[in-house]
């Protein structure tokens, strides 16, 4: 539980930016469409 508590805020705040970085970079590194 203490470890989960320390990570909870970071997971909440970083979830959207990390997702967007992967989507944008996925286009540039030519990942297959089936991966999305």
ModelCIF file with pLDDT and N, C-alpha, C, O atoms, coordinates in Angstrom:
data_MODEL
#
_entry.id   MODEL 
#
_entity.id                         1 
_entity.type                       polymer 
_entity.pdbx_number_of_molecules   1 
#
_entity_poly.entity_id                      1 
_entity_poly.type                           'polypeptide(L)' 
_entity_poly.nstd_linkage                   no 
_entity_poly.nstd_monomer                   no 
_entity_poly.pdbx_seq_one_letter_code       
;(UNK)(UNK)(UNK)(UNK)(UNK)(UNK)(UNK)(UNK)(UNK)(UNK)(UNK)(UNK)(UNK)(UNK)(UNK)(UNK)
(UNK)(UNK)(UNK)(UNK)(UNK)(UNK)(UNK)(UNK)(UNK)(UNK)(UNK)(UNK)(UNK)(UNK)(UNK)(UNK)
(UNK)(UNK)(UNK)(UNK)
;
_entity_poly.pdbx_seq_one_letter_code_can   XXXXXXXXXXXXXXXXXXXXXXXXXXXXXXXXXXXX 
_entity_poly.pdbx_strand_id                 A 
#
loop_
_entity_poly_seq.entity_id 
_entity_poly_seq.num 
_entity_poly_seq.mon_id 
_entity_poly_seq.hetero 
1 1  UNK n 
1 2  UNK n 
1 3  UNK n 
1 4  UNK n 
1 5  UNK n 
1 6  UNK n 
1 7  UNK n 
1 8  UNK n 
1 9  UNK n 
1 10 UNK n 
1 11 UNK n 
1 12 UNK n 
1 13 UNK n 
1 14 UNK n 
1 15 UNK n 
1 16 UNK n 
1 17 UNK n 
1 18 UNK n 
1 19 UNK n 
1 20 UNK n 
1 21 UNK n 
1 22 UNK n 
1 23 UNK n 
1 24 UNK n 
1 25 UNK n 
1 26 UNK n 
1 27 UNK n 
1 28 UNK n 
1 29 UNK n 
1 30 UNK n 
1 31 UNK n 
1 32 UNK n 
1 33 UNK n 
1 34 UNK n 
1 35 UNK n 
1 36 UNK n 
#
_struct_asym.id          A 
_struct_asym.entity_id   1 
#
loop_
_ma_qa_metric.id 
_ma_qa_metric.mode 
_ma_qa_metric.name 
_ma_qa_metric.software_group_id 
_ma_qa_metric.type 
1 global pLDDT . pLDDT 
2 local  pLDDT . pLDDT 
#
_ma_qa_metric_global.metric_id      1 
_ma_qa_metric_global.metric_value   83.03 
_ma_qa_metric_global.model_id       1 
_ma_qa_metric_global.ordinal_id     1 
#
loop_
_ma_qa_metric_local.label_asym_id 
_ma_qa_metric_local.label_comp_id 
_ma_qa_metric_local.label_seq_id 
_ma_qa_metric_local.metric_id 
_ma_qa_metric_local.metric_value 
_ma_qa_metric_local.model_id 
_ma_qa_metric_local.ordinal_id 
A UNK 1  2 92.00 1 1  
A UNK 2  2 89.00 1 2  
A UNK 3  2 90.00 1 3  
A UNK 4  2 92.00 1 4  
A UNK 5  2 90.00 1 5  
A UNK 6  2 89.00 1 6  
A UNK 7  2 92.00 1 7  
A UNK 8  2 94.00 1 8  
A UNK 9  2 94.00 1 9  
A UNK 10 2 94.00 1 10 
A UNK 11 2 95.00 1 11 
A UNK 12 2 96.00 1 12 
A UNK 13 2 96.00 1 13 
A UNK 14 2 95.00 1 14 
A UNK 15 2 95.00 1 15 
A UNK 16 2 95.00 1 16 
A UNK 17 2 95.00 1 17 
A UNK 18 2 94.00 1 18 
A UNK 19 2 93.00 1 19 
A UNK 20 2 92.00 1 20 
A UNK 21 2 91.00 1 21 
A UNK 22 2 88.00 1 22 
A UNK 23 2 85.00 1 23 
A UNK 24 2 82.00 1 24 
A UNK 25 2 74.00 1 25 
A UNK 26 2 65.00 1 26 
A UNK 27 2 58.00 1 27 
A UNK 28 2 57.00 1 28 
A UNK 29 2 57.00 1 29 
A UNK 30 2 58.00 1 30 
A UNK 31 2 65.00 1 31 
A UNK 32 2 67.00 1 32 
A UNK 33 2 66.00 1 33 
A UNK 34 2 69.00 1 34 
A UNK 35 2 73.00 1 35 
A UNK 36 2 72.00 1 36 
#
loop_
_atom_site.group_PDB 
_atom_site.id 
_atom_site.type_symbol 
_atom_site.label_atom_id 
_atom_site.label_alt_id 
_atom_site.label_comp_id 
_atom_site.label_asym_id 
_atom_site.label_entity_id 
_atom_site.label_seq_id 
_atom_site.pdbx_PDB_ins_code 
_atom_site.Cartn_x 
_atom_site.Cartn_y 
_atom_site.Cartn_z 
_atom_site.occupancy 
_atom_site.B_iso_or_equiv 
_atom_site.pdbx_formal_charge 
_atom_site.auth_seq_id 
_atom_site.auth_comp_id 
_atom_site.auth_asym_id 
_atom_site.auth_atom_id 
_atom_site.pdbx_PDB_model_num 
ATOM 1   N N  . UNK A 1 1  ? 0.805  -1.224 0.000   1.00 92.00 ? 1  UNK A N  1 
ATOM 2   C CA . UNK A 1 1  ? 0.000  0.000  0.000   1.00 92.00 ? 1  UNK A CA 1 
ATOM 3   C C  . UNK A 1 1  ? 0.842  1.279  0.000   1.00 92.00 ? 1  UNK A C  1 
ATOM 4   O O  . UNK A 1 1  ? 0.543  2.185  -0.777  1.00 92.00 ? 1  UNK A O  1 
ATOM 5   N N  . UNK A 1 2  ? 1.895  1.396  0.846   1.00 89.00 ? 2  UNK A N  1 
ATOM 6   C CA . UNK A 1 2  ? 2.690  2.637  0.809   1.00 89.00 ? 2  UNK A CA 1 
ATOM 7   C C  . UNK A 1 2  ? 3.309  2.900  -0.559  1.00 89.00 ? 2  UNK A C  1 
ATOM 8   O O  . UNK A 1 2  ? 3.362  4.041  -1.016  1.00 89.00 ? 2  UNK A O  1 
ATOM 9   N N  . UNK A 1 3  ? 3.775  1.840  -1.203  1.00 90.00 ? 3  UNK A N  1 
ATOM 10  C CA . UNK A 1 3  ? 4.381  2.005  -2.525  1.00 90.00 ? 3  UNK A CA 1 
ATOM 11  C C  . UNK A 1 3  ? 3.334  2.435  -3.546  1.00 90.00 ? 3  UNK A C  1 
ATOM 12  O O  . UNK A 1 3  ? 3.609  3.268  -4.409  1.00 90.00 ? 3  UNK A O  1 
ATOM 13  N N  . UNK A 1 4  ? 2.139  1.868  -3.449  1.00 92.00 ? 4  UNK A N  1 
ATOM 14  C CA . UNK A 1 4  ? 1.056  2.267  -4.338  1.00 92.00 ? 4  UNK A CA 1 
ATOM 15  C C  . UNK A 1 4  ? 0.695  3.731  -4.137  1.00 92.00 ? 4  UNK A C  1 
ATOM 16  O O  . UNK A 1 4  ? 0.436  4.455  -5.099  1.00 92.00 ? 4  UNK A O  1 
ATOM 17  N N  . UNK A 1 5  ? 0.680  4.164  -2.870  1.00 90.00 ? 5  UNK A N  1 
ATOM 18  C CA . UNK A 1 5  ? 0.370  5.560  -2.585  1.00 90.00 ? 5  UNK A CA 1 
ATOM 19  C C  . UNK A 1 5  ? 1.378  6.523  -3.174  1.00 90.00 ? 5  UNK A C  1 
ATOM 20  O O  . UNK A 1 5  ? 1.013  7.599  -3.649  1.00 90.00 ? 5  UNK A O  1 
ATOM 21  N N  . UNK A 1 6  ? 2.656  6.138  -3.146  1.00 89.00 ? 6  UNK A N  1 
ATOM 22  C CA . UNK A 1 6  ? 3.703  7.021  -3.700  1.00 89.00 ? 6  UNK A CA 1 
ATOM 23  C C  . UNK A 1 6  ? 3.596  7.146  -5.211  1.00 89.00 ? 6  UNK A C  1 
ATOM 24  O O  . UNK A 1 6  ? 3.969  8.174  -5.775  1.00 89.00 ? 6  UNK A O  1 
ATOM 25  N N  . UNK A 1 7  ? 3.094  6.119  -5.867  1.00 92.00 ? 7  UNK A N  1 
ATOM 26  C CA . UNK A 1 7  ? 3.037  6.132  -7.342  1.00 92.00 ? 7  UNK A CA 1 
ATOM 27  C C  . UNK A 1 7  ? 1.712  6.669  -7.877  1.00 92.00 ? 7  UNK A C  1 
ATOM 28  O O  . UNK A 1 7  ? 1.621  7.019  -9.053  1.00 92.00 ? 7  UNK A O  1 
ATOM 29  N N  . UNK A 1 8  ? 0.685  6.737  -7.030  1.00 94.00 ? 8  UNK A N  1 
ATOM 30  C CA . UNK A 1 8  ? -0.663 7.056  -7.515  1.00 94.00 ? 8  UNK A CA 1 
ATOM 31  C C  . UNK A 1 8  ? -0.726 8.401  -8.218  1.00 94.00 ? 8  UNK A C  1 
ATOM 32  O O  . UNK A 1 8  ? -1.295 8.507  -9.304  1.00 94.00 ? 8  UNK A O  1 
ATOM 33  N N  . UNK A 1 9  ? -0.149 9.427  -7.613  1.00 94.00 ? 9  UNK A N  1 
ATOM 34  C CA . UNK A 1 9  ? -0.224 10.763 -8.196  1.00 94.00 ? 9  UNK A CA 1 
ATOM 35  C C  . UNK A 1 9  ? 0.523  10.835 -9.521  1.00 94.00 ? 9  UNK A C  1 
ATOM 36  O O  . UNK A 1 9  ? 0.050  11.459 -10.471 1.00 94.00 ? 9  UNK A O  1 
ATOM 37  N N  . UNK A 1 10 ? 1.684  10.200 -9.586  1.00 94.00 ? 10 UNK A N  1 
ATOM 38  C CA . UNK A 1 10 ? 2.464  10.211 -10.829 1.00 94.00 ? 10 UNK A CA 1 
ATOM 39  C C  . UNK A 1 10 ? 1.723  9.486  -11.944 1.00 94.00 ? 10 UNK A C  1 
ATOM 40  O O  . UNK A 1 10 ? 1.718  9.946  -13.086 1.00 94.00 ? 10 UNK A O  1 
ATOM 41  N N  . UNK A 1 11 ? 1.095  8.355  -11.622 1.00 95.00 ? 11 UNK A N  1 
ATOM 42  C CA . UNK A 1 11 ? 0.336  7.619  -12.636 1.00 95.00 ? 11 UNK A CA 1 
ATOM 43  C C  . UNK A 1 11 ? -0.820 8.464  -13.149 1.00 95.00 ? 11 UNK A C  1 
ATOM 44  O O  . UNK A 1 11 ? -1.075 8.520  -14.352 1.00 95.00 ? 11 UNK A O  1 
ATOM 45  N N  . UNK A 1 12 ? -1.511 9.117  -12.232 1.00 96.00 ? 12 UNK A N  1 
ATOM 46  C CA . UNK A 1 12 ? -2.644 9.955  -12.642 1.00 96.00 ? 12 UNK A CA 1 
ATOM 47  C C  . UNK A 1 12 ? -2.183 11.087 -13.562 1.00 96.00 ? 12 UNK A C  1 
ATOM 48  O O  . UNK A 1 12 ? -2.777 11.307 -14.617 1.00 96.00 ? 12 UNK A O  1 
ATOM 49  N N  . UNK A 1 13 ? -1.137 11.798 -13.170 1.00 96.00 ? 13 UNK A N  1 
ATOM 50  C CA . UNK A 1 13 ? -0.722 12.990 -13.916 1.00 96.00 ? 13 UNK A CA 1 
ATOM 51  C C  . UNK A 1 13 ? 0.045  12.661 -15.190 1.00 96.00 ? 13 UNK A C  1 
ATOM 52  O O  . UNK A 1 13 ? -0.038 13.408 -16.165 1.00 96.00 ? 13 UNK A O  1 
ATOM 53  N N  . UNK A 1 14 ? 0.782  11.571 -15.202 1.00 95.00 ? 14 UNK A N  1 
ATOM 54  C CA . UNK A 1 14 ? 1.615  11.255 -16.361 1.00 95.00 ? 14 UNK A CA 1 
ATOM 55  C C  . UNK A 1 14 ? 0.893  10.417 -17.417 1.00 95.00 ? 14 UNK A C  1 
ATOM 56  O O  . UNK A 1 14 ? 1.382  10.287 -18.540 1.00 95.00 ? 14 UNK A O  1 
ATOM 57  N N  . UNK A 1 15 ? -0.267 9.847  -17.069 1.00 95.00 ? 15 UNK A N  1 
ATOM 58  C CA . UNK A 1 15 ? -0.933 8.934  -17.987 1.00 95.00 ? 15 UNK A CA 1 
ATOM 59  C C  . UNK A 1 15 ? -1.203 9.531  -19.357 1.00 95.00 ? 15 UNK A C  1 
ATOM 60  O O  . UNK A 1 15 ? -0.869 8.921  -20.373 1.00 95.00 ? 15 UNK A O  1 
ATOM 61  N N  . UNK A 1 16 ? -1.800 10.707 -19.401 1.00 95.00 ? 16 UNK A N  1 
ATOM 62  C CA . UNK A 1 16 ? -2.155 11.315 -20.687 1.00 95.00 ? 16 UNK A CA 1 
ATOM 63  C C  . UNK A 1 16 ? -0.917 11.753 -21.476 1.00 95.00 ? 16 UNK A C  1 
ATOM 64  O O  . UNK A 1 16 ? -0.831 11.437 -22.663 1.00 95.00 ? 16 UNK A O  1 
ATOM 65  N N  . UNK A 1 17 ? 0.053  12.468 -20.872 1.00 95.00 ? 17 UNK A N  1 
ATOM 66  C CA . UNK A 1 17 ? 1.231  12.857 -21.658 1.00 95.00 ? 17 UNK A CA 1 
ATOM 67  C C  . UNK A 1 17 ? 2.023  11.673 -22.192 1.00 95.00 ? 17 UNK A C  1 
ATOM 68  O O  . UNK A 1 17 ? 2.482  11.706 -23.334 1.00 95.00 ? 17 UNK A O  1 
ATOM 69  N N  . UNK A 1 18 ? 2.193  10.628 -21.389 1.00 94.00 ? 18 UNK A N  1 
ATOM 70  C CA . UNK A 1 18 ? 2.934  9.454  -21.858 1.00 94.00 ? 18 UNK A CA 1 
ATOM 71  C C  . UNK A 1 18 ? 2.197  8.803  -23.036 1.00 94.00 ? 18 UNK A C  1 
ATOM 72  O O  . UNK A 1 18 ? 2.817  8.403  -24.021 1.00 94.00 ? 18 UNK A O  1 
ATOM 73  N N  . UNK A 1 19 ? 0.880  8.705  -22.923 1.00 93.00 ? 19 UNK A N  1 
ATOM 74  C CA . UNK A 1 19 ? 0.090  8.138  -24.015 1.00 93.00 ? 19 UNK A CA 1 
ATOM 75  C C  . UNK A 1 19 ? 0.260  8.950  -25.296 1.00 93.00 ? 19 UNK A C  1 
ATOM 76  O O  . UNK A 1 19 ? 0.448  8.379  -26.371 1.00 93.00 ? 19 UNK A O  1 
ATOM 77  N N  . UNK A 1 20 ? 0.195  10.294 -25.189 1.00 92.00 ? 20 UNK A N  1 
ATOM 78  C CA . UNK A 1 20 ? 0.319  11.142 -26.368 1.00 92.00 ? 20 UNK A CA 1 
ATOM 79  C C  . UNK A 1 20 ? 1.708  11.074 -26.979 1.00 92.00 ? 20 UNK A C  1 
ATOM 80  O O  . UNK A 1 20 ? 1.848  11.094 -28.202 1.00 92.00 ? 20 UNK A O  1 
ATOM 81  N N  . UNK A 1 21 ? 2.729  10.994 -26.150 1.00 91.00 ? 21 UNK A N  1 
ATOM 82  C CA . UNK A 1 21 ? 4.097  10.882 -26.672 1.00 91.00 ? 21 UNK A CA 1 
ATOM 83  C C  . UNK A 1 21 ? 4.231  9.609  -27.500 1.00 91.00 ? 21 UNK A C  1 
ATOM 84  O O  . UNK A 1 21 ? 4.825  9.628  -28.578 1.00 91.00 ? 21 UNK A O  1 
ATOM 85  N N  . UNK A 1 22 ? 3.679  8.498  -26.999 1.00 88.00 ? 22 UNK A N  1 
ATOM 86  C CA . UNK A 1 22 ? 3.753  7.253  -27.745 1.00 88.00 ? 22 UNK A CA 1 
ATOM 87  C C  . UNK A 1 22 ? 2.987  7.348  -29.070 1.00 88.00 ? 22 UNK A C  1 
ATOM 88  O O  . UNK A 1 22 ? 3.440  6.817  -30.084 1.00 88.00 ? 22 UNK A O  1 
ATOM 89  N N  . UNK A 1 23 ? 1.836  8.019  -29.066 1.00 85.00 ? 23 UNK A N  1 
ATOM 90  C CA . UNK A 1 23 ? 1.053  8.118  -30.294 1.00 85.00 ? 23 UNK A CA 1 
ATOM 91  C C  . UNK A 1 23 ? 1.758  8.975  -31.341 1.00 85.00 ? 23 UNK A C  1 
ATOM 92  O O  . UNK A 1 23 ? 1.779  8.635  -32.524 1.00 85.00 ? 23 UNK A O  1 
ATOM 93  N N  . UNK A 1 24 ? 2.332  10.085 -30.898 1.00 82.00 ? 24 UNK A N  1 
ATOM 94  C CA . UNK A 1 24 ? 3.023  10.973 -31.837 1.00 82.00 ? 24 UNK A CA 1 
ATOM 95  C C  . UNK A 1 24 ? 4.291  10.313 -32.346 1.00 82.00 ? 24 UNK A C  1 
ATOM 96  O O  . UNK A 1 24 ? 4.561  10.322 -33.547 1.00 82.00 ? 24 UNK A O  1 
ATOM 97  N N  . UNK A 1 25 ? 5.076  9.737  -31.432 1.00 74.00 ? 25 UNK A N  1 
ATOM 98  C CA . UNK A 1 25 ? 6.330  9.109  -31.847 1.00 74.00 ? 25 UNK A CA 1 
ATOM 99  C C  . UNK A 1 25 ? 6.086  7.852  -32.655 1.00 74.00 ? 25 UNK A C  1 
ATOM 100 O O  . UNK A 1 25 ? 6.901  7.482  -33.501 1.00 74.00 ? 25 UNK A O  1 
ATOM 101 N N  . UNK A 1 26 ? 4.948  7.184  -32.393 1.00 65.00 ? 26 UNK A N  1 
ATOM 102 C CA . UNK A 1 26 ? 4.637  5.990  -33.175 1.00 65.00 ? 26 UNK A CA 1 
ATOM 103 C C  . UNK A 1 26 ? 4.484  6.299  -34.651 1.00 65.00 ? 26 UNK A C  1 
ATOM 104 O O  . UNK A 1 26 ? 4.823  5.481  -35.506 1.00 65.00 ? 26 UNK A O  1 
ATOM 105 N N  . UNK A 1 27 ? 3.970  7.491  -34.948 1.00 58.00 ? 27 UNK A N  1 
ATOM 106 C CA . UNK A 1 27 ? 3.838  7.904  -36.352 1.00 58.00 ? 27 UNK A CA 1 
ATOM 107 C C  . UNK A 1 27 ? 5.215  8.109  -36.979 1.00 58.00 ? 27 UNK A C  1 
ATOM 108 O O  . UNK A 1 27 ? 5.453  7.725  -38.124 1.00 58.00 ? 27 UNK A O  1 
ATOM 109 N N  . UNK A 1 28 ? 6.125  8.726  -36.201 1.00 57.00 ? 28 UNK A N  1 
ATOM 110 C CA . UNK A 1 28 ? 7.446  9.038  -36.745 1.00 57.00 ? 28 UNK A CA 1 
ATOM 111 C C  . UNK A 1 28 ? 8.324  7.800  -36.920 1.00 57.00 ? 28 UNK A C  1 
ATOM 112 O O  . UNK A 1 28 ? 9.168  7.765  -37.815 1.00 57.00 ? 28 UNK A O  1 
ATOM 113 N N  . UNK A 1 29 ? 8.137  6.796  -36.083 1.00 57.00 ? 29 UNK A N  1 
ATOM 114 C CA . UNK A 1 29 ? 8.971  5.589  -36.208 1.00 57.00 ? 29 UNK A CA 1 
ATOM 115 C C  . UNK A 1 29 ? 8.291  4.531  -37.071 1.00 57.00 ? 29 UNK A C  1 
ATOM 116 O O  . UNK A 1 29 ? 8.750  3.392  -37.156 1.00 57.00 ? 29 UNK A O  1 
ATOM 117 N N  . UNK A 1 30 ? 7.193  4.924  -37.706 1.00 58.00 ? 30 UNK A N  1 
ATOM 118 C CA . UNK A 1 30 ? 6.507  4.067  -38.684 1.00 58.00 ? 30 UNK A CA 1 
ATOM 119 C C  . UNK A 1 30 ? 6.084  2.730  -38.089 1.00 58.00 ? 30 UNK A C  1 
ATOM 120 O O  . UNK A 1 30 ? 6.320  1.676  -38.678 1.00 58.00 ? 30 UNK A O  1 
ATOM 121 N N  . UNK A 1 31 ? 5.460  2.782  -36.917 1.00 65.00 ? 31 UNK A N  1 
ATOM 122 C CA . UNK A 1 31 ? 4.916  1.551  -36.348 1.00 65.00 ? 31 UNK A CA 1 
ATOM 123 C C  . UNK A 1 31 ? 3.742  1.072  -37.207 1.00 65.00 ? 31 UNK A C  1 
ATOM 124 O O  . UNK A 1 31 ? 3.011  1.897  -37.756 1.00 65.00 ? 31 UNK A O  1 
ATOM 125 N N  . UNK A 1 32 ? 3.550  -0.237 -37.331 1.00 67.00 ? 32 UNK A N  1 
ATOM 126 C CA . UNK A 1 32 ? 2.452  -0.745 -38.175 1.00 67.00 ? 32 UNK A CA 1 
ATOM 127 C C  . UNK A 1 32 ? 1.098  -0.304 -37.633 1.00 67.00 ? 32 UNK A C  1 
ATOM 128 O O  . UNK A 1 32 ? 0.932  -0.128 -36.426 1.00 67.00 ? 32 UNK A O  1 
ATOM 129 N N  . UNK A 1 33 ? 0.133  -0.128 -38.530 1.00 66.00 ? 33 UNK A N  1 
ATOM 130 C CA . UNK A 1 33 ? -1.191 0.313  -38.124 1.00 66.00 ? 33 UNK A CA 1 
ATOM 131 C C  . UNK A 1 33 ? -1.847 -0.668 -37.163 1.00 66.00 ? 33 UNK A C  1 
ATOM 132 O O  . UNK A 1 33 ? -2.644 -0.276 -36.310 1.00 66.00 ? 33 UNK A O  1 
ATOM 133 N N  . UNK A 1 34 ? -1.508 -1.943 -37.305 1.00 69.00 ? 34 UNK A N  1 
ATOM 134 C CA . UNK A 1 34 ? -2.100 -2.957 -36.438 1.00 69.00 ? 34 UNK A CA 1 
ATOM 135 C C  . UNK A 1 34 ? -1.658 -2.799 -34.979 1.00 69.00 ? 34 UNK A C  1 
ATOM 136 O O  . UNK A 1 34 ? -2.304 -3.319 -34.069 1.00 69.00 ? 34 UNK A O  1 
ATOM 137 N N  . UNK A 1 35 ? -0.555 -2.079 -34.765 1.00 73.00 ? 35 UNK A N  1 
ATOM 138 C CA . UNK A 1 35 ? -0.053 -1.893 -33.397 1.00 73.00 ? 35 UNK A CA 1 
ATOM 139 C C  . UNK A 1 35 ? -0.943 -0.937 -32.620 1.00 73.00 ? 35 UNK A C  1 
ATOM 140 O O  . UNK A 1 35 ? -1.140 -1.115 -31.418 1.00 73.00 ? 35 UNK A O  1 
ATOM 141 N N  . UNK A 1 36 ? -1.490 0.086  -33.298 1.00 72.00 ? 36 UNK A N  1 
ATOM 142 C CA . UNK A 1 36 ? -2.340 1.077  -32.639 1.00 72.00 ? 36 UNK A CA 1 
ATOM 143 C C  . UNK A 1 36 ? -3.618 0.417  -32.133 1.00 72.00 ? 36 UNK A C  1 
ATOM 144 O O  . UNK A 1 36 ? -4.468 1.087  -31.546 1.00 72.00 ? 36 UNK A O  1 
#
